[in-house]
Amino acid sequence: MQWNHLVNQLFGPDHGIRLAGDLLRGEVLFDGERINVVGTTNHAPIGVQLALAQARAVLDTVAQHPGRPILILIDTQGQQLRRRDELLGINRAMAHLGTCIDLARRRGHRVLGLVYDQALSGGFITSGLIADACFALPEAEIRVMRIPAMARVTKLSEERLAELSQSNPVFAPGVQNYVAMGGVRALWEGNLPAALREALANTPVADQRAQDGAERGGRLLAAAVAQRVLDAA
């Protein structure tokens, strides 16, 4: 879905969100409450400049509007694969973005992610997967790594990985698999404003991803292992 079509459905034609390059930023009025929106479009590769711009938007919200909800709109092909960005420290810039989102959560901001088109690799990990919860449209595409790339890294054959993906969502791309694993809390279908209203009102502050994954059968051990680590601390 195009970003302008999405925000028109969510907030109406006078939404106030602006596009600068691949960066989306603005504030909207929703049910009488202000929400700050930040995100990307055009399958944006997240380089140093774009990561820092998103981080700036989050920090501005924390500084200027304490407690205001933040909605992160996600459409990215992952991190920018350029030598310039590597030399400038893309890993640190993306880590900074994730840290800023975490800071907002700790300061009492409700932070929601919404994958409305494409979410790949580090561009997704340092945005939607650090929010209080991440949601997605049914037609969204989510993956960290394609099976051929996974085969090169794991040294397992593509055929074996394809076989594993039939029974284990960890090995398979696709929005439904991320719902099963708990990475995506729910799909937004039909009435998008109603879905946002529900998410703002009822998303737990505590991270539920591992618990959701266990209950849905997509990550059977993560919650139990995490609890054992916490109990041993």
C-alpha atoms as a PDB file:
ATOM      1  CA  MET A   1       0.000   0.000   0.000  1.00  0.00           C
ATOM      2  CA  GLN A   2       1.212   3.529  -0.774  1.00  0.00           C
ATOM      3  CA  TRP A   3       1.994   5.567   2.335  1.00  0.00           C
ATOM      4  CA  ASN A   4      -0.360   8.417   1.416  1.00  0.00           C
ATOM      5  CA  HIS A   5      -3.233   5.976   0.870  1.00  0.00           C
ATOM      6  CA  LEU A   6      -2.506   4.421   4.249  1.00  0.00           C
ATOM      7  CA  VAL A   7      -2.426   7.675   6.216  1.00  0.00           C
ATOM      8  CA  ASN A   8      -5.539   8.936   4.435  1.00  0.00           C
ATOM      9  CA  GLN A   9      -7.355   5.834   5.666  1.00  0.00           C
ATOM     10  CA  LEU A  10      -5.988   6.213   9.178  1.00  0.00           C
ATOM     11  CA  PHE A  11      -6.200   9.963   9.703  1.00  0.00           C
ATOM     12  CA  GLY A  12      -8.053  11.555   6.782  1.00  0.00           C
ATOM     13  CA  PRO A  13      -6.723  13.796   3.992  1.00  0.00           C
ATOM     14  CA  ASP A  14      -5.580  16.586   6.355  1.00  0.00           C
ATOM     15  CA  HIS A  15      -3.201  14.302   8.232  1.00  0.00           C
ATOM     16  CA  GLY A  16      -0.156  16.602   8.333  1.00  0.00           C
ATOM     17  CA  ILE A  17       2.431  13.915   7.561  1.00  0.00           C
ATOM     18  CA  ARG A  18       5.120  15.074   5.144  1.00  0.00           C
ATOM     19  CA  LEU A  19       7.569  13.273   2.877  1.00  0.00           C
ATOM     20  CA  ALA A  20      11.199  14.397   2.681  1.00  0.00           C
ATOM     21  CA  GLY A  21      13.202  12.068   0.464  1.00  0.00           C
ATOM     22  CA  ASP A  22      12.327   8.643   1.897  1.00  0.00           C
ATOM     23  CA  LEU A  23      11.522   9.995   5.372  1.00  0.00           C
ATOM     24  CA  LEU A  24       7.958  10.316   6.662  1.00  0.00           C
ATOM     25  CA  ARG A  25       7.396  12.642   9.589  1.00  0.00           C
ATOM     26  CA  GLY A  26       4.571  14.619  11.146  1.00  0.00           C
ATOM     27  CA  GLU A  27       1.931  14.781  13.843  1.00  0.00           C
ATOM     28  CA  VAL A  28      -1.720  13.842  13.538  1.00  0.00           C
ATOM     29  CA  LEU A  29      -4.892  14.252  15.567  1.00  0.00           C
ATOM     30  CA  PHE A  30      -6.532  10.918  16.298  1.00  0.00           C
ATOM     31  CA  ASP A  31      -9.577  10.613  18.556  1.00  0.00           C
ATOM     32  CA  GLY A  32      -8.710  13.996  20.048  1.00  0.00           C
ATOM     33  CA  GLU A  33      -5.148  12.929  20.890  1.00  0.00           C
ATOM     34  CA  ARG A  34      -1.918  13.960  19.163  1.00  0.00           C
ATOM     35  CA  ILE A  35       0.259  11.184  17.745  1.00  0.00           C
ATOM     36  CA  ASN A  36       3.712  11.674  16.256  1.00  0.00           C
ATOM     37  CA  VAL A  37       4.414   9.667  13.124  1.00  0.00           C
ATOM     38  CA  VAL A  38       7.838   8.764  11.745  1.00  0.00           C
ATOM     39  CA  GLY A  39       8.824   6.238   9.117  1.00  0.00           C
ATOM     40  CA  THR A  40      10.092   5.455   5.654  1.00  0.00           C
ATOM     41  CA  THR A  41       8.755   4.732   2.196  1.00  0.00           C
ATOM     42  CA  ASN A  42       9.887   3.730  -1.312  1.00  0.00           C
ATOM     43  CA  HIS A  43      11.429   0.502   0.087  1.00  0.00           C
ATOM     44  CA  ALA A  44      14.030   2.822   1.614  1.00  0.00           C
ATOM     45  CA  PRO A  45      17.506   1.476   2.358  1.00  0.00           C
ATOM     46  CA  ILE A  46      18.345   2.691   5.859  1.00  0.00           C
ATOM     47  CA  GLY A  47      21.676   4.494   5.697  1.00  0.00           C
ATOM     48  CA  VAL A  48      23.365   6.699   8.261  1.00  0.00           C
ATOM     49  CA  GLN A  49      21.440   9.818   7.248  1.00  0.00           C
ATOM     50  CA  LEU A  50      18.011   8.182   7.295  1.00  0.00           C
ATOM     51  CA  ALA A  51      18.643   6.316  10.566  1.00  0.00           C
ATOM     52  CA  LEU A  52      19.747   9.526  12.278  1.00  0.00           C
ATOM     53  CA  ALA A  53      16.783  11.464  10.851  1.00  0.00           C
ATOM     54  CA  GLN A  54      14.356   8.938  12.328  1.00  0.00           C
ATOM     55  CA  ALA A  55      16.225   8.983  15.623  1.00  0.00           C
ATOM     56  CA  ARG A  56      15.997  12.793  15.652  1.00  0.00           C
ATOM     57  CA  ALA A  57      12.232  12.629  15.185  1.00  0.00           C
ATOM     58  CA  VAL A  58      11.896  10.226  18.106  1.00  0.00           C
ATOM     59  CA  LEU A  59      14.134  12.313  20.382  1.00  0.00           C
ATOM     60  CA  ASP A  60      12.253  15.495  19.459  1.00  0.00           C
ATOM     61  CA  THR A  61       9.036  13.807  20.531  1.00  0.00           C
ATOM     62  CA  VAL A  62      10.558  12.726  23.852  1.00  0.00           C
ATOM     63  CA  ALA A  63      11.902  16.223  24.510  1.00  0.00           C
ATOM     64  CA  GLN A  64       8.969  18.309  23.291  1.00  0.00           C
ATOM     65  CA  HIS A  65       5.912  16.103  23.852  1.00  0.00           C
ATOM     66  CA  PRO A  66       6.369  13.884  26.920  1.00  0.00           C
ATOM     67  CA  GLY A  67       4.221  10.769  26.824  1.00  0.00           C
ATOM     68  CA  ARG A  68       2.863  11.342  23.325  1.00  0.00           C
ATOM     69  CA  PRO A  69       2.310   8.108  21.340  1.00  0.00           C
ATOM     70  CA  ILE A  70       4.621   7.392  18.401  1.00  0.00           C
ATOM     71  CA  LEU A  71       3.618   5.419  15.307  1.00  0.00           C
ATOM     72  CA  ILE A  72       6.461   4.063  13.161  1.00  0.00           C
ATOM     73  CA  LEU A  73       5.487   3.382   9.538  1.00  0.00           C
ATOM     74  CA  ILE A  74       7.798   0.755   8.050  1.00  0.00           C
ATOM     75  CA  ASP A  75       8.731   0.227   4.420  1.00  0.00           C
ATOM     76  CA  THR A  76      12.398  -0.667   4.033  1.00  0.00           C
ATOM     77  CA  GLN A  77      14.679  -3.000   2.112  1.00  0.00           C
ATOM     78  CA  GLY A  78      17.072  -3.113   5.080  1.00  0.00           C
ATOM     79  CA  GLN A  79      20.302  -1.291   5.728  1.00  0.00           C
ATOM     80  CA  GLN A  80      22.072   0.710   3.051  1.00  0.00           C
ATOM     81  CA  LEU A  81      24.786  -1.439   1.444  1.00  0.00           C
ATOM     82  CA  ARG A  82      27.264   1.283   0.539  1.00  0.00           C
ATOM     83  CA  ARG A  83      30.904   1.685   1.440  1.00  0.00           C
ATOM     84  CA  ARG A  84      30.288   5.290   2.472  1.00  0.00           C
ATOM     85  CA  ASP A  85      27.706   4.267   5.063  1.00  0.00           C
ATOM     86  CA  GLU A  86      29.902   1.461   6.344  1.00  0.00           C
ATOM     87  CA  LEU A  87      32.782   3.898   6.811  1.00  0.00           C
ATOM     88  CA  LEU A  88      30.502   6.353   8.596  1.00  0.00           C
ATOM     89  CA  GLY A  89      29.371   3.633  11.000  1.00  0.00           C
ATOM     90  CA  ILE A  90      25.977   2.422   9.791  1.00  0.00           C
ATOM     91  CA  ASN A  91      25.940  -0.151  12.584  1.00  0.00           C
ATOM     92  CA  ARG A  92      26.225   2.583  15.222  1.00  0.00           C
ATOM     93  CA  ALA A  93      23.625   4.793  13.526  1.00  0.00           C
ATOM     94  CA  MET A  94      21.086   1.967  13.408  1.00  0.00           C
ATOM     95  CA  ALA A  95      21.882   0.997  16.990  1.00  0.00           C
ATOM     96  CA  HIS A  96      21.313   4.639  17.946  1.00  0.00           C
ATOM     97  CA  LEU A  97      17.880   4.565  16.298  1.00  0.00           C
ATOM     98  CA  GLY A  98      16.925   1.452  18.239  1.00  0.00           C
ATOM     99  CA  THR A  99      18.218   2.991  21.471  1.00  0.00           C
ATOM    100  CA  CYS A 100      16.136   6.135  20.901  1.00  0.00           C
ATOM    101  CA  ILE A 101      12.995   4.041  20.414  1.00  0.00           C
ATOM    102  CA  ASP A 102      13.802   2.140  23.596  1.00  0.00           C
ATOM    103  CA  LEU A 103      14.322   5.448  25.432  1.00  0.00           C
ATOM    104  CA  ALA A 104      10.901   6.666  24.296  1.00  0.00           C
ATOM    105  CA  ARG A 105       9.295   3.502  25.653  1.00  0.00           C
ATOM    106  CA  ARG A 106      11.097   3.888  28.975  1.00  0.00           C
ATOM    107  CA  ARG A 107       9.916   7.503  29.197  1.00  0.00           C
ATOM    108  CA  GLY A 108       6.292   6.452  28.912  1.00  0.00           C
ATOM    109  CA  HIS A 109       5.599   6.863  25.196  1.00  0.00           C
ATOM    110  CA  ARG A 110       3.405   4.214  23.616  1.00  0.00           C
ATOM    111  CA  VAL A 111       5.449   3.181  20.532  1.00  0.00           C
ATOM    112  CA  LEU A 112       3.767   1.127  17.805  1.00  0.00           C
ATOM    113  CA  GLY A 113       5.239  -0.137  14.547  1.00  0.00           C
ATOM    114  CA  LEU A 114       3.217  -0.809  11.398  1.00  0.00           C
ATOM    115  CA  VAL A 115       4.671  -2.659   8.415  1.00  0.00           C
ATOM    116  CA  TYR A 116       2.561  -1.364   5.546  1.00  0.00           C
ATOM    117  CA  ASP A 117       4.701  -2.544   2.630  1.00  0.00           C
ATOM    118  CA  GLN A 118       8.101  -4.200   3.050  1.00  0.00           C
ATOM    119  CA  ALA A 119      10.278  -4.883   6.090  1.00  0.00           C
ATOM    120  CA  LEU A 120      13.662  -6.490   5.680  1.00  0.00           C
ATOM    121  CA  SER A 121      16.687  -7.157   7.801  1.00  0.00           C
ATOM    122  CA  GLY A 122      18.261  -4.475  10.001  1.00  0.00           C
ATOM    123  CA  GLY A 123      15.840  -1.774   8.898  1.00  0.00           C
ATOM    124  CA  PHE A 124      13.055  -3.773  10.558  1.00  0.00           C
ATOM    125  CA  ILE A 125      15.015  -5.019  13.550  1.00  0.00           C
ATOM    126  CA  THR A 126      15.934  -1.492  14.691  1.00  0.00           C
ATOM    127  CA  SER A 127      12.426  -0.073  14.274  1.00  0.00           C
ATOM    128  CA  GLY A 128       9.327  -2.256  14.440  1.00  0.00           C
ATOM    129  CA  LEU A 129      10.918  -5.024  16.492  1.00  0.00           C
ATOM    130  CA  ILE A 130      11.942  -2.531  19.208  1.00  0.00           C
ATOM    131  CA  ALA A 131       8.536  -0.860  19.478  1.00  0.00           C
ATOM    132  CA  ASP A 132       6.108  -1.880  22.239  1.00  0.00           C
ATOM    133  CA  ALA A 133       4.466  -3.974  19.537  1.00  0.00           C
ATOM    134  CA  CYS A 134       4.634  -4.269  15.768  1.00  0.00           C
ATOM    135  CA  PHE A 135       1.623  -4.758  13.517  1.00  0.00           C
ATOM    136  CA  ALA A 136       1.344  -5.345   9.764  1.00  0.00           C
ATOM    137  CA  LEU A 137      -1.043  -5.155   6.857  1.00  0.00           C
ATOM    138  CA  PRO A 138      -1.923  -8.582   5.402  1.00  0.00           C
ATOM    139  CA  GLU A 139      -0.200  -7.823   2.099  1.00  0.00           C
ATOM    140  CA  ALA A 140       3.062  -6.728   3.741  1.00  0.00           C
ATOM    141  CA  GLU A 141       6.306  -8.561   3.039  1.00  0.00           C
ATOM    142  CA  ILE A 142       8.517  -9.346   6.018  1.00  0.00           C
ATOM    143  CA  ARG A 143      11.765 -11.256   6.141  1.00  0.00           C
ATOM    144  CA  VAL A 144      15.226 -11.014   7.601  1.00  0.00           C
ATOM    145  CA  MET A 145      16.925 -13.196   5.017  1.00  0.00           C
ATOM    146  CA  ARG A 146      15.887 -15.068   1.864  1.00  0.00           C
ATOM    147  CA  ILE A 147      16.417 -18.807   1.848  1.00  0.00           C
ATOM    148  CA  PRO A 148      19.350 -18.645  -0.662  1.00  0.00           C
ATOM    149  CA  ALA A 149      21.155 -16.137   1.569  1.00  0.00           C
ATOM    150  CA  MET A 150      20.324 -18.208   4.651  1.00  0.00           C
ATOM    151  CA  ALA A 151      21.806 -21.238   2.929  1.00  0.00           C
ATOM    152  CA  ARG A 152      25.079 -19.412   2.328  1.00  0.00           C
ATOM    153  CA  VAL A 153      25.308 -18.381   5.984  1.00  0.00           C
ATOM    154  CA  THR A 154      24.180 -21.625   7.622  1.00  0.00           C
ATOM    155  CA  LYS A 155      25.865 -23.943   5.078  1.00  0.00           C
ATOM    156  CA  LEU A 156      22.600 -25.892   4.845  1.00  0.00           C
ATOM    157  CA  SER A 157      21.171 -26.630   1.424  1.00  0.00           C
ATOM    158  CA  GLU A 158      18.293 -24.550   0.096  1.00  0.00           C
ATOM    159  CA  GLU A 159      16.267 -27.733  -0.199  1.00  0.00           C
ATOM    160  CA  ARG A 160      16.797 -28.553   3.479  1.00  0.00           C
ATOM    161  CA  LEU A 161      15.904 -25.005   4.548  1.00  0.00           C
ATOM    162  CA  ALA A 162      12.788 -25.039   2.372  1.00  0.00           C
ATOM    163  CA  GLU A 163      11.801 -28.317   4.028  1.00  0.00           C
ATOM    164  CA  LEU A 164      12.382 -26.873   7.506  1.00  0.00           C
ATOM    165  CA  SER A 165      10.341 -23.783   6.650  1.00  0.00           C
ATOM    166  CA  GLN A 166       7.252 -25.945   6.181  1.00  0.00           C
ATOM    167  CA  SER A 167       7.169 -26.807   9.889  1.00  0.00           C
ATOM    168  CA  ASN A 168       9.184 -24.023  11.526  1.00  0.00           C
ATOM    169  CA  PRO A 169       8.369 -20.340  10.816  1.00  0.00           C
ATOM    170  CA  VAL A 170      11.857 -19.273  11.913  1.00  0.00           C
ATOM    171  CA  PHE A 171      13.157 -20.513   8.556  1.00  0.00           C
ATOM    172  CA  ALA A 172      10.414 -18.967   6.428  1.00  0.00           C
ATOM    173  CA  PRO A 173       9.719 -15.410   5.304  1.00  0.00           C
ATOM    174  CA  GLY A 174       6.187 -14.050   5.214  1.00  0.00           C
ATOM    175  CA  VAL A 175       3.935 -11.961   7.409  1.00  0.00           C
ATOM    176  CA  GLN A 176       1.961 -14.946   8.742  1.00  0.00           C
ATOM    177  CA  ASN A 177       5.165 -16.574   9.959  1.00  0.00           C
ATOM    178  CA  TYR A 178       6.099 -13.432  11.858  1.00  0.00           C
ATOM    179  CA  VAL A 179       2.682 -13.448  13.483  1.00  0.00           C
ATOM    180  CA  ALA A 180       3.292 -17.069  14.524  1.00  0.00           C
ATOM    181  CA  MET A 181       6.695 -16.171  15.980  1.00  0.00           C
ATOM    182  CA  GLY A 182       5.279 -13.192  17.873  1.00  0.00           C
ATOM    183  CA  GLY A 183       7.320 -10.606  15.989  1.00  0.00           C
ATOM    184  CA  VAL A 184       4.084  -9.200  14.587  1.00  0.00           C
ATOM    185  CA  ARG A 185       1.402  -8.915  17.251  1.00  0.00           C
ATOM    186  CA  ALA A 186      -1.540  -8.820  14.838  1.00  0.00           C
ATOM    187  CA  LEU A 187      -2.598  -7.974  11.305  1.00  0.00           C
ATOM    188  CA  TRP A 188      -4.605  -4.815  10.662  1.00  0.00           C
ATOM    189  CA  GLU A 189      -7.452  -5.664   8.316  1.00  0.00           C
ATOM    190  CA  GLY A 190     -10.599  -3.805   7.344  1.00  0.00           C
ATOM    191  CA  ASN A 191     -11.153  -0.773   9.568  1.00  0.00           C
ATOM    192  CA  LEU A 192      -7.639   0.610  10.073  1.00  0.00           C
ATOM    193  CA  PRO A 193      -8.608   3.405  12.510  1.00  0.00           C
ATOM    194  CA  ALA A 194     -10.336   0.810  14.694  1.00  0.00           C
ATOM    195  CA  ALA A 195      -7.191  -1.343  14.620  1.00  0.00           C
ATOM    196  CA  LEU A 196      -5.019   1.616  15.660  1.00  0.00           C
ATOM    197  CA  ARG A 197      -7.500   2.536  18.399  1.00  0.00           C
ATOM    198  CA  GLU A 198      -7.364  -1.021  19.748  1.00  0.00           C
ATOM    199  CA  ALA A 199      -3.557  -1.083  19.636  1.00  0.00           C
ATOM    200  CA  LEU A 200      -3.209   2.235  21.473  1.00  0.00           C
ATOM    201  CA  ALA A 201      -5.623   1.133  24.181  1.00  0.00           C
ATOM    202  CA  ASN A 202      -4.600  -2.472  24.752  1.00  0.00           C
ATOM    203  CA  THR A 203      -0.994  -3.105  23.685  1.00  0.00           C
ATOM    204  CA  PRO A 204       0.925  -4.282  26.778  1.00  0.00           C
ATOM    205  CA  VAL A 205       3.848  -2.164  27.901  1.00  0.00           C
ATOM    206  CA  ALA A 206       5.876  -5.300  28.648  1.00  0.00           C
ATOM    207  CA  ASP A 207       7.348  -7.085  25.624  1.00  0.00           C
ATOM    208  CA  GLN A 208       5.048 -10.015  24.755  1.00  0.00           C
ATOM    209  CA  ARG A 209       6.848 -11.314  21.658  1.00  0.00           C
ATOM    210  CA  ALA A 210       8.356 -14.449  23.185  1.00  0.00           C
ATOM    211  CA  GLN A 211       5.129 -15.275  25.037  1.00  0.00           C
ATOM    212  CA  ASP A 212       3.051 -14.731  21.885  1.00  0.00           C
ATOM    213  CA  GLY A 213       5.431 -16.946  19.934  1.00  0.00           C
ATOM    214  CA  ALA A 214       5.055 -19.746  22.486  1.00  0.00           C
ATOM    215  CA  GLU A 215       1.263 -19.509  22.555  1.00  0.00           C
ATOM    216  CA  ARG A 216       1.061 -19.483  18.747  1.00  0.00           C
ATOM    217  CA  GLY A 217       3.501 -22.356  18.279  1.00  0.00           C
ATOM    218  CA  GLY A 218       6.063 -20.347  16.341  1.00  0.00           C
ATOM    219  CA  ARG A 219       8.770 -20.049  19.032  1.00  0.00           C
ATOM    220  CA  LEU A 220       8.283 -22.774  21.572  1.00  0.00           C
ATOM    221  CA  LEU A 221      11.364 -22.248  23.743  1.00  0.00           C
ATOM    222  CA  ALA A 222      12.162 -18.519  23.690  1.00  0.00           C
ATOM    223  CA  ALA A 223       9.851 -17.483  26.542  1.00  0.00           C
ATOM    224  CA  ALA A 224      10.889 -20.383  28.769  1.00  0.00           C
ATOM    225  CA  VAL A 225      14.605 -19.822  28.192  1.00  0.00           C
ATOM    226  CA  ALA A 226      14.273 -16.071  28.810  1.00  0.00           C
ATOM    227  CA  GLN A 227      12.450 -16.737  32.081  1.00  0.00           C
ATOM    228  CA  ARG A 228      15.157 -19.167  33.214  1.00  0.00           C
ATOM    229  CA  VAL A 229      17.796 -16.497  32.560  1.00  0.00           C
ATOM    230  CA  LEU A 230      15.782 -13.927  34.526  1.00  0.00           C
ATOM    231  CA  ASP A 231      15.236 -16.347  37.406  1.00  0.00           C
ATOM    232  CA  ALA A 232      18.968 -17.071  37.586  1.00  0.00           C
ATOM    233  CA  ALA A 233      19.993 -13.385  37.595  1.00  0.00           C
END
